[in-house]
Amino acid sequence: DENTIFRIGSVTKLFSSISLYQMIESGVVASLDDPISKYWPNMTFLDPFTAQDGNDGHTSPTFIQLATHLSGAPREAPCIIVNCNLTNEEMLPLLQQTMLIYPPFTQPSYSNLGYSLLGNTLGAISSSGYYQQMVQDQILTPLAMKSTGFTYSSDVVSRMAVGYDANGNPQPLYLEGWGAPAGQAYSTISDLSVLVSAHLSDYWSSTNRLMSASQTRQYMMPRWIDPDYTVFGSPWESAMQNNYLVRRKGGNFAGFSGMLSLVPELKIGFVALFSNSFDEFAFADAAWPILIDAFVQTYISMQPPIPSPQNTSLYAGVYTLNGNAASSISIYNGQYGKNILLINILGMNVFLSYITPTRMAVYIPPGLEACMLRDTLAIVGQYVFFNLNEDGSVQSFTVPGFVPGAQFIKKVS
């Protein structure tokens, strides 16, 4: 059920990314572009792409490079994945001998090493002192996620599902040590649903359950788009579904799989956890078109009618600019309602939402115009001001925020 504990694998990486943006907002980390060595002296990788005289260069990755898998670091940490029980100090010489596989900021390359380095660095400079306590203090406790953590006590294990590999074999429980920020956490459907809710509320309001709305939007921004339109973020592995950017974070580890995914623009999301090696991205790809279509259709059906003036015929007609026909207003009856004013301005059809007899706002229902055209023309929300004759008929209109200085004069029949 929703309280059964699962290992969540790489969904764990969300905790490091959230912590990073929290610490940017609080000023503990000055900039996403700061190198790790500013906070962890001498922490560098070997950089063959800046070699001189046959000697490899040394590069310290930045916070944003690690958070977006754009550091060029290899996939795994330079220690045994299982029980890598080393401290930061013990890891440092191993990291210094680790060689980049790409120049930074040139190619996404998924890196558990990168997120282990990010999480452990943030933990060390946080007021908590180490990674697991930082996550507890900054995320789990504020959200009351009491069934999420990193320590597998006997109580936790008793509530856990059994993880199976692709052949149906139960998988042993093992820990990652220094690599914990990359994938060691456990959680439940109930707890992760709270995390989804916090993302959505922080994205749209000033509730600040995790961070401010502006910082939440920075954290959820795309950072890289591959030729196949896979979109990398911090640490989102996003994709377009039904014209919306779906943020996804999948995890697959030791017989468990998981997916936390959301569309903040629609205020919806879901969590799925599996006790086997399941293709969590295929699941998300199948689920989202169904969810988005149902949600959007329901949303459209619930919208109130577009407000119209009592006598729409007073506004209908052809309007000229400098003596030439340049615009028209007609009365629309169709899918989006009845007796609505539809204005054609500079070749684009948009609705007018009535405010007062002399002021209306441009409104475009979903799907009426392509997003690129709508957003680049920037006409949505523009005010249309009407000059009326004494009998209430229209003499002219202006759209100062869209066509400054132009007056569209109604053509008299």
Protein backbone atom coordinates (compact mmCIF):
# COMPACT_ATOMS: atom_id res chain seq x y z
CA ASP A 1 0.00 0.00 0.00
CA GLU A 2 0.99 3.67 0.11
CA ASN A 3 3.01 3.12 3.30
CA THR A 4 5.12 0.18 2.09
CA ILE A 5 8.80 1.13 1.95
CA PHE A 6 10.73 0.86 -1.32
CA ARG A 7 14.27 1.74 -2.24
CA ILE A 8 14.01 4.68 -4.63
CA GLY A 9 17.42 4.52 -6.32
CA SER A 10 18.29 7.64 -8.28
CA VAL A 11 15.14 9.46 -7.22
CA THR A 12 17.44 10.11 -4.24
CA LYS A 13 19.25 12.66 -6.41
CA LEU A 14 16.35 15.07 -6.00
CA PHE A 15 17.40 15.62 -2.38
CA SER A 16 20.85 16.93 -3.35
CA SER A 17 19.42 19.18 -6.05
CA ILE A 18 16.75 20.61 -3.74
CA SER A 19 19.40 21.20 -1.06
CA LEU A 20 21.62 22.99 -3.57
CA TYR A 21 18.95 25.48 -4.57
CA GLN A 22 17.94 25.98 -0.93
CA MET A 23 21.54 26.80 -0.08
CA ILE A 24 21.84 29.17 -3.02
CA GLU A 25 18.75 30.97 -1.71
CA SER A 26 20.09 31.11 1.85
CA GLY A 27 23.52 32.29 0.68
CA VAL A 28 25.49 29.29 1.95
CA VAL A 29 26.50 28.67 -1.68
CA ALA A 30 27.17 31.95 -3.45
CA SER A 31 26.58 30.82 -7.03
CA LEU A 32 25.65 27.79 -9.09
CA ASP A 33 28.78 28.55 -11.09
CA ASP A 34 31.09 28.32 -8.10
CA PRO A 35 33.65 25.49 -8.38
CA ILE A 36 33.52 22.79 -5.73
CA SER A 37 37.12 23.66 -4.81
CA LYS A 38 35.90 26.98 -3.40
CA TYR A 39 34.24 24.99 -0.62
CA TRP A 40 36.36 21.83 -0.69
CA PRO A 41 39.98 22.93 -1.27
CA ASN A 42 42.01 20.93 -3.80
CA MET A 43 38.98 18.99 -5.06
CA THR A 44 39.77 18.62 -8.75
CA PHE A 45 39.51 16.05 -11.51
CA LEU A 46 42.17 15.25 -14.06
CA ASP A 47 41.29 17.11 -17.24
CA PRO A 48 42.84 15.65 -20.41
CA PHE A 49 41.10 18.35 -22.47
CA THR A 50 43.30 21.08 -20.99
CA ALA A 51 46.55 19.09 -21.14
CA GLN A 52 49.78 21.02 -21.63
CA ASP A 53 53.19 19.59 -22.43
CA GLY A 54 51.79 16.09 -22.06
CA ASN A 55 50.48 16.71 -18.57
CA ASP A 56 46.77 16.52 -17.79
CA GLY A 57 45.14 19.66 -16.52
CA HIS A 58 43.13 19.90 -13.33
CA THR A 59 39.49 21.06 -13.25
CA SER A 60 37.13 21.55 -10.36
CA PRO A 61 33.51 21.01 -11.45
CA THR A 62 30.92 23.64 -10.66
CA PHE A 63 27.72 23.02 -8.71
CA ILE A 64 25.52 23.45 -11.77
CA GLN A 65 27.69 21.10 -13.84
CA LEU A 66 27.31 18.35 -11.24
CA ALA A 67 23.57 18.97 -10.79
CA THR A 68 22.86 18.73 -14.54
CA HIS A 69 25.23 15.84 -15.44
CA LEU A 70 27.32 18.28 -17.50
CA SER A 71 30.56 18.05 -15.52
CA GLY A 72 32.13 15.47 -17.84
CA ALA A 73 32.74 13.17 -14.85
CA PRO A 74 32.56 9.38 -15.28
CA ARG A 75 29.43 7.49 -14.30
CA GLU A 76 30.68 5.86 -11.09
CA ALA A 77 32.78 6.94 -8.12
CA PRO A 78 36.37 5.64 -7.92
CA CYS A 79 35.56 3.14 -5.18
CA ILE A 80 33.59 -0.09 -4.86
CA ILE A 81 29.91 0.75 -5.38
CA VAL A 82 28.78 -1.55 -2.58
CA ASN A 83 29.75 -0.23 0.86
CA CYS A 84 32.05 2.54 -0.29
CA ASN A 85 32.69 3.43 3.33
CA LEU A 86 35.11 6.29 2.84
CA THR A 87 35.10 9.84 4.20
CA ASN A 88 35.49 12.96 2.06
CA GLU A 89 39.13 13.14 3.14
CA GLU A 90 39.73 9.52 2.09
CA MET A 91 37.95 10.09 -1.21
CA LEU A 92 39.90 13.23 -2.14
CA PRO A 93 43.05 11.56 -3.56
CA LEU A 94 40.86 9.11 -5.50
CA LEU A 95 38.84 11.99 -6.97
CA GLN A 96 42.00 13.88 -7.87
CA GLN A 97 43.08 10.91 -10.00
CA THR A 98 39.69 10.60 -11.71
CA MET A 99 39.75 11.66 -15.36
CA LEU A 100 36.98 13.54 -17.13
CA ILE A 101 35.43 11.79 -20.13
CA TYR A 102 34.02 14.98 -21.70
CA PRO A 103 34.95 18.63 -21.48
CA PRO A 104 32.54 20.30 -19.01
CA PHE A 105 29.32 21.76 -20.40
CA THR A 106 29.64 20.00 -23.77
CA GLN A 107 27.64 16.78 -23.39
CA PRO A 108 25.31 15.30 -20.76
CA SER A 109 26.76 12.13 -19.27
CA TYR A 110 24.85 10.60 -16.37
CA SER A 111 27.10 10.55 -13.33
CA ASN A 112 26.44 8.90 -9.99
CA LEU A 113 29.89 10.15 -9.06
CA GLY A 114 28.79 13.71 -9.81
CA TYR A 115 25.78 13.50 -7.52
CA SER A 116 27.73 11.77 -4.77
CA LEU A 117 30.25 14.60 -4.93
CA LEU A 118 27.49 17.23 -4.98
CA GLY A 119 25.59 15.76 -2.03
CA ASN A 120 28.64 15.15 0.14
CA THR A 121 30.03 18.62 -0.54
CA LEU A 122 26.73 20.29 0.35
CA GLY A 123 26.42 18.15 3.46
CA ALA A 124 29.89 19.12 4.64
CA ILE A 125 29.26 22.88 4.30
CA SER A 126 25.70 22.78 5.65
CA SER A 127 24.85 23.60 9.25
CA SER A 128 23.97 19.90 9.65
CA GLY A 129 27.55 18.84 8.95
CA TYR A 130 26.94 15.83 6.74
CA TYR A 131 24.71 14.75 3.86
CA GLN A 132 22.06 12.53 5.49
CA GLN A 133 21.43 14.98 8.33
CA MET A 134 21.23 17.87 5.85
CA VAL A 135 18.48 16.10 3.93
CA GLN A 136 16.68 15.34 7.19
CA ASP A 137 16.87 18.94 8.40
CA GLN A 138 16.16 20.74 5.14
CA ILE A 139 13.62 18.43 3.47
CA LEU A 140 12.32 15.42 5.39
CA THR A 141 11.51 17.08 8.71
CA PRO A 142 9.86 20.22 7.21
CA LEU A 143 7.65 17.99 5.03
CA ALA A 144 7.03 15.40 7.78
CA MET A 145 8.33 12.63 5.50
CA LYS A 146 8.70 10.17 8.38
CA SER A 147 9.07 7.05 6.23
CA THR A 148 11.96 8.37 4.13
CA GLY A 149 15.65 8.11 4.98
CA PHE A 150 18.98 6.41 4.45
CA THR A 151 19.46 4.16 7.49
CA TYR A 152 17.94 0.69 7.12
CA SER A 153 16.93 -0.11 10.68
CA SER A 154 15.12 -3.33 11.58
CA ASP A 155 11.83 -1.39 11.62
CA VAL A 156 12.47 -0.02 8.12
CA VAL A 157 13.42 -3.45 6.76
CA SER A 158 10.28 -5.00 8.29
CA ARG A 159 8.14 -2.56 6.30
CA MET A 160 10.03 -2.99 3.03
CA ALA A 161 8.90 -4.70 -0.13
CA VAL A 162 11.27 -7.36 -1.46
CA GLY A 163 13.21 -6.26 -4.52
CA TYR A 164 13.65 -8.68 -7.44
CA ASP A 165 15.94 -8.64 -10.47
CA ALA A 166 14.73 -9.23 -14.03
CA ASN A 167 14.91 -13.00 -13.50
CA GLY A 168 12.77 -12.93 -10.37
CA ASN A 169 15.62 -13.38 -7.91
CA PRO A 170 15.39 -11.50 -4.58
CA GLN A 171 18.12 -8.87 -4.25
CA PRO A 172 20.26 -8.36 -1.14
CA LEU A 173 20.18 -5.16 0.83
CA TYR A 174 23.43 -3.26 0.59
CA LEU A 175 24.50 0.31 1.20
CA GLU A 176 26.56 2.74 -0.83
CA GLY A 177 28.53 4.63 1.79
CA TRP A 178 30.07 7.75 0.24
CA GLY A 179 27.86 7.13 -2.81
CA ALA A 180 24.62 7.46 -0.80
CA PRO A 181 23.54 10.78 -2.39
CA ALA A 182 23.35 9.03 -5.76
CA GLY A 183 20.81 6.38 -4.81
CA GLN A 184 20.66 4.99 -1.27
CA ALA A 185 17.37 6.48 0.02
CA TYR A 186 14.15 4.64 0.75
CA SER A 187 10.64 6.07 0.81
CA THR A 188 6.95 5.36 0.30
CA ILE A 189 4.24 6.41 -2.13
CA SER A 190 2.71 8.48 0.66
CA ASP A 191 5.92 10.38 1.48
CA LEU A 192 6.92 11.01 -2.12
CA SER A 193 3.42 12.29 -2.85
CA VAL A 194 4.05 14.92 -0.19
CA LEU A 195 7.29 15.81 -2.00
CA VAL A 196 5.38 16.17 -5.29
CA SER A 197 2.82 18.39 -3.57
CA ALA A 198 5.57 20.60 -2.16
CA HIS A 199 7.07 21.03 -5.62
CA LEU A 200 3.72 22.07 -7.08
CA SER A 201 2.77 24.44 -4.27
CA ASP A 202 6.20 26.10 -4.18
CA TYR A 203 6.17 26.51 -7.98
CA TRP A 204 2.99 28.56 -7.89
CA SER A 205 2.90 30.30 -4.53
CA SER A 206 4.92 31.72 -1.68
CA THR A 207 4.21 28.82 0.68
CA ASN A 208 7.97 28.18 0.84
CA ARG A 209 7.59 24.59 1.95
CA LEU A 210 11.03 23.97 0.44
CA MET A 211 12.04 27.25 -1.22
CA SER A 212 10.57 30.35 -2.84
CA ALA A 213 8.53 30.16 -6.04
CA SER A 214 11.24 31.91 -8.07
CA GLN A 215 13.92 29.54 -6.78
CA THR A 216 11.67 26.51 -7.40
CA ARG A 217 11.29 27.58 -11.02
CA GLN A 218 15.05 27.97 -11.37
CA TYR A 219 15.52 24.48 -9.97
CA MET A 220 13.00 23.02 -12.42
CA MET A 221 14.30 24.82 -15.53
CA PRO A 222 15.67 22.80 -18.47
CA ARG A 223 19.44 23.07 -18.86
CA TRP A 224 20.20 20.95 -21.94
CA ILE A 225 18.17 19.60 -24.88
CA ASP A 226 19.45 16.55 -26.75
CA PRO A 227 18.75 16.01 -30.49
CA ASP A 228 16.02 13.49 -29.55
CA TYR A 229 14.45 16.18 -27.33
CA THR A 230 15.46 14.55 -24.06
CA VAL A 231 15.72 17.51 -21.71
CA PHE A 232 18.21 17.48 -18.84
CA GLY A 233 17.77 19.57 -15.72
CA SER A 234 18.78 19.48 -12.06
CA PRO A 235 18.48 16.45 -12.09
CA TRP A 236 15.30 16.13 -14.18
CA GLU A 237 15.23 13.83 -17.21
CA SER A 238 12.33 15.55 -18.92
CA ALA A 239 10.41 15.00 -22.14
CA MET A 240 7.60 16.64 -24.10
CA GLN A 241 4.23 14.92 -23.75
CA ASN A 242 1.04 16.32 -25.31
CA ASN A 243 2.69 19.76 -25.69
CA TYR A 244 3.80 19.92 -22.05
CA LEU A 245 7.28 19.55 -20.57
CA VAL A 246 7.04 16.61 -18.18
CA ARG A 247 9.67 16.66 -15.43
CA ARG A 248 10.77 13.12 -14.59
CA LYS A 249 13.24 11.55 -12.20
CA GLY A 250 13.62 7.82 -12.44
CA GLY A 251 15.47 5.38 -10.24
CA ASN A 252 16.50 1.76 -10.69
CA PHE A 253 18.60 0.06 -8.05
CA ALA A 254 19.02 -3.35 -6.37
CA GLY A 255 15.71 -4.85 -7.47
CA PHE A 256 13.66 -1.66 -7.13
CA SER A 257 12.48 0.94 -9.64
CA GLY A 258 10.74 4.25 -9.18
CA MET A 259 9.47 7.34 -10.92
CA LEU A 260 8.58 10.78 -9.57
CA SER A 261 7.12 12.96 -12.28
CA LEU A 262 5.14 16.17 -12.54
CA VAL A 263 3.90 18.96 -14.79
CA PRO A 264 3.95 22.05 -12.58
CA GLU A 265 2.20 24.15 -15.23
CA LEU A 266 -0.86 21.88 -14.80
CA LYS A 267 -0.33 21.36 -11.06
CA ILE A 268 -0.37 17.57 -11.42
CA GLY A 269 2.15 14.81 -10.75
CA PHE A 270 2.48 11.19 -9.75
CA VAL A 271 4.75 8.70 -8.03
CA ALA A 272 5.22 5.06 -9.04
CA LEU A 273 7.36 2.53 -7.13
CA PHE A 274 8.11 -1.04 -8.24
CA SER A 275 9.77 -3.97 -6.48
CA ASN A 276 11.56 -5.19 -9.61
CA SER A 277 13.76 -3.94 -12.44
CA PHE A 278 11.02 -2.13 -14.34
CA ASP A 279 11.33 0.44 -17.15
CA GLU A 280 10.06 3.42 -15.20
CA PHE A 281 10.44 5.79 -18.16
CA ALA A 282 8.29 3.59 -20.42
CA PHE A 283 5.68 3.65 -17.66
CA ALA A 284 5.78 7.46 -17.53
CA ASP A 285 5.62 7.72 -21.32
CA ALA A 286 2.47 5.59 -21.32
CA ALA A 287 0.82 7.29 -18.35
CA TRP A 288 1.29 10.95 -19.13
CA PRO A 289 -0.68 11.24 -22.41
CA ILE A 290 -3.68 9.71 -20.64
CA LEU A 291 -3.34 11.98 -17.61
CA ILE A 292 -2.69 15.18 -19.55
CA ASP A 293 -5.51 14.65 -22.03
CA ALA A 294 -8.03 13.89 -19.29
CA PHE A 295 -6.86 16.82 -17.19
CA VAL A 296 -6.83 19.37 -20.02
CA GLN A 297 -10.25 18.34 -21.33
CA THR A 298 -11.70 18.55 -17.83
CA TYR A 299 -10.02 21.91 -17.27
CA ILE A 300 -11.40 23.33 -20.51
CA SER A 301 -14.90 22.08 -19.72
CA MET A 302 -14.78 23.83 -16.34
CA GLN A 303 -13.77 27.22 -17.71
CA PRO A 304 -16.41 29.96 -17.36
CA PRO A 305 -17.71 31.47 -20.60
CA ILE A 306 -15.67 34.27 -22.12
CA PRO A 307 -17.29 37.52 -20.93
CA SER A 308 -18.96 39.58 -23.68
CA PRO A 309 -20.66 42.98 -23.81
CA GLN A 310 -24.45 43.00 -23.76
CA ASN A 311 -24.65 44.29 -27.34
CA THR A 312 -21.82 42.74 -29.33
CA SER A 313 -23.11 44.16 -32.61
CA LEU A 314 -21.94 47.64 -31.55
CA TYR A 315 -18.34 46.44 -31.86
CA ALA A 316 -18.57 44.26 -34.99
CA GLY A 317 -17.22 45.62 -38.25
CA VAL A 318 -14.13 46.44 -40.32
CA TYR A 319 -11.47 48.78 -38.90
CA THR A 320 -8.94 50.76 -40.91
CA LEU A 321 -5.45 51.97 -40.13
CA ASN A 322 -4.18 54.89 -42.23
CA GLY A 323 -7.10 54.44 -44.56
CA ASN A 324 -6.50 50.73 -45.25
CA ALA A 325 -8.46 47.79 -43.86
CA ALA A 326 -6.28 46.43 -41.04
CA SER A 327 -8.56 44.71 -38.56
CA SER A 328 -12.03 43.34 -38.06
CA ILE A 329 -14.25 42.34 -35.17
CA SER A 330 -16.86 39.64 -35.66
CA ILE A 331 -19.30 37.76 -33.46
CA TYR A 332 -18.23 34.20 -32.78
CA ASN A 333 -20.52 31.24 -32.08
CA GLY A 334 -18.82 27.87 -31.77
CA GLN A 335 -16.73 25.53 -29.64
CA TYR A 336 -15.56 28.23 -27.24
CA GLY A 337 -18.95 29.83 -26.63
CA LYS A 338 -21.67 31.98 -28.12
CA ASN A 339 -21.92 35.69 -28.88
CA ILE A 340 -18.20 36.28 -28.24
CA LEU A 341 -16.20 39.06 -29.84
CA LEU A 342 -13.44 37.74 -32.13
CA ILE A 343 -10.89 40.27 -33.31
CA ASN A 344 -8.50 39.82 -36.22
CA ILE A 345 -5.48 42.01 -35.69
CA LEU A 346 -2.39 41.86 -37.88
CA GLY A 347 -3.60 38.54 -39.30
CA MET A 348 -4.19 36.74 -35.98
CA ASN A 349 -7.61 35.80 -34.61
CA VAL A 350 -8.04 36.26 -30.86
CA PHE A 351 -10.98 36.65 -28.52
CA LEU A 352 -11.86 39.75 -26.52
CA SER A 353 -12.73 39.29 -22.86
CA TYR A 354 -15.13 42.01 -21.72
CA ILE A 355 -14.14 44.19 -18.76
CA THR A 356 -15.98 47.48 -19.37
CA PRO A 357 -17.63 48.99 -22.46
CA THR A 358 -14.36 50.82 -23.21
CA ARG A 359 -11.79 48.20 -22.15
CA MET A 360 -11.37 44.52 -23.02
CA ALA A 361 -8.46 42.06 -22.80
CA VAL A 362 -7.11 39.73 -25.45
CA TYR A 363 -7.73 36.07 -24.61
CA ILE A 364 -6.62 32.93 -26.46
CA PRO A 365 -8.15 29.58 -25.40
CA PRO A 366 -5.81 26.56 -25.34
CA GLY A 367 -5.13 25.27 -28.84
CA LEU A 368 -6.51 28.25 -30.77
CA GLU A 369 -3.04 29.39 -31.86
CA ALA A 370 0.37 27.70 -31.85
CA CYS A 371 2.39 28.40 -28.71
CA MET A 372 5.30 29.90 -30.66
CA LEU A 373 3.02 32.36 -32.46
CA ARG A 374 1.16 33.24 -29.28
CA ASP A 375 4.24 33.75 -27.15
CA THR A 376 6.42 35.59 -29.66
CA LEU A 377 3.66 37.99 -30.66
CA ALA A 378 2.97 38.58 -26.95
CA ILE A 379 -0.61 39.68 -27.50
CA VAL A 380 -2.30 37.61 -24.79
CA GLY A 381 -3.46 39.86 -21.95
CA GLN A 382 -3.03 43.06 -23.96
CA TYR A 383 -5.75 45.63 -23.38
CA VAL A 384 -7.94 46.91 -26.19
CA PHE A 385 -9.37 50.37 -25.50
CA PHE A 386 -12.49 51.50 -27.35
CA ASN A 387 -13.59 55.06 -28.10
CA LEU A 388 -17.38 55.20 -28.13
CA ASN A 389 -19.85 57.56 -29.73
CA GLU A 390 -22.64 59.07 -27.66
CA ASP A 391 -25.03 56.31 -28.77
CA GLY A 392 -22.62 53.63 -27.52
CA SER A 393 -21.41 52.56 -30.95
CA VAL A 394 -17.69 52.19 -31.53
CA GLN A 395 -15.70 54.92 -33.20
CA SER A 396 -12.20 53.39 -32.91
CA PHE A 397 -9.92 51.27 -30.77
CA THR A 398 -6.26 51.22 -29.73
CA VAL A 399 -3.95 48.49 -28.44
CA PRO A 400 -1.14 50.58 -26.89
CA GLY A 401 0.80 47.63 -25.52
CA PHE A 402 0.86 45.85 -28.88
CA VAL A 403 0.65 48.53 -31.61
CA PRO A 404 1.71 51.76 -29.87
CA GLY A 405 0.34 54.95 -31.40
CA ALA A 406 -1.98 53.19 -33.84
CA GLN A 407 -5.68 54.00 -33.90
CA PHE A 408 -7.97 51.57 -35.68
CA ILE A 409 -10.99 53.45 -36.99
CA LYS A 410 -14.29 51.70 -37.59
CA LYS A 411 -15.34 51.79 -41.22
CA VAL A 412 -18.81 53.25 -41.67
CA SER A 413 -21.01 51.17 -43.95
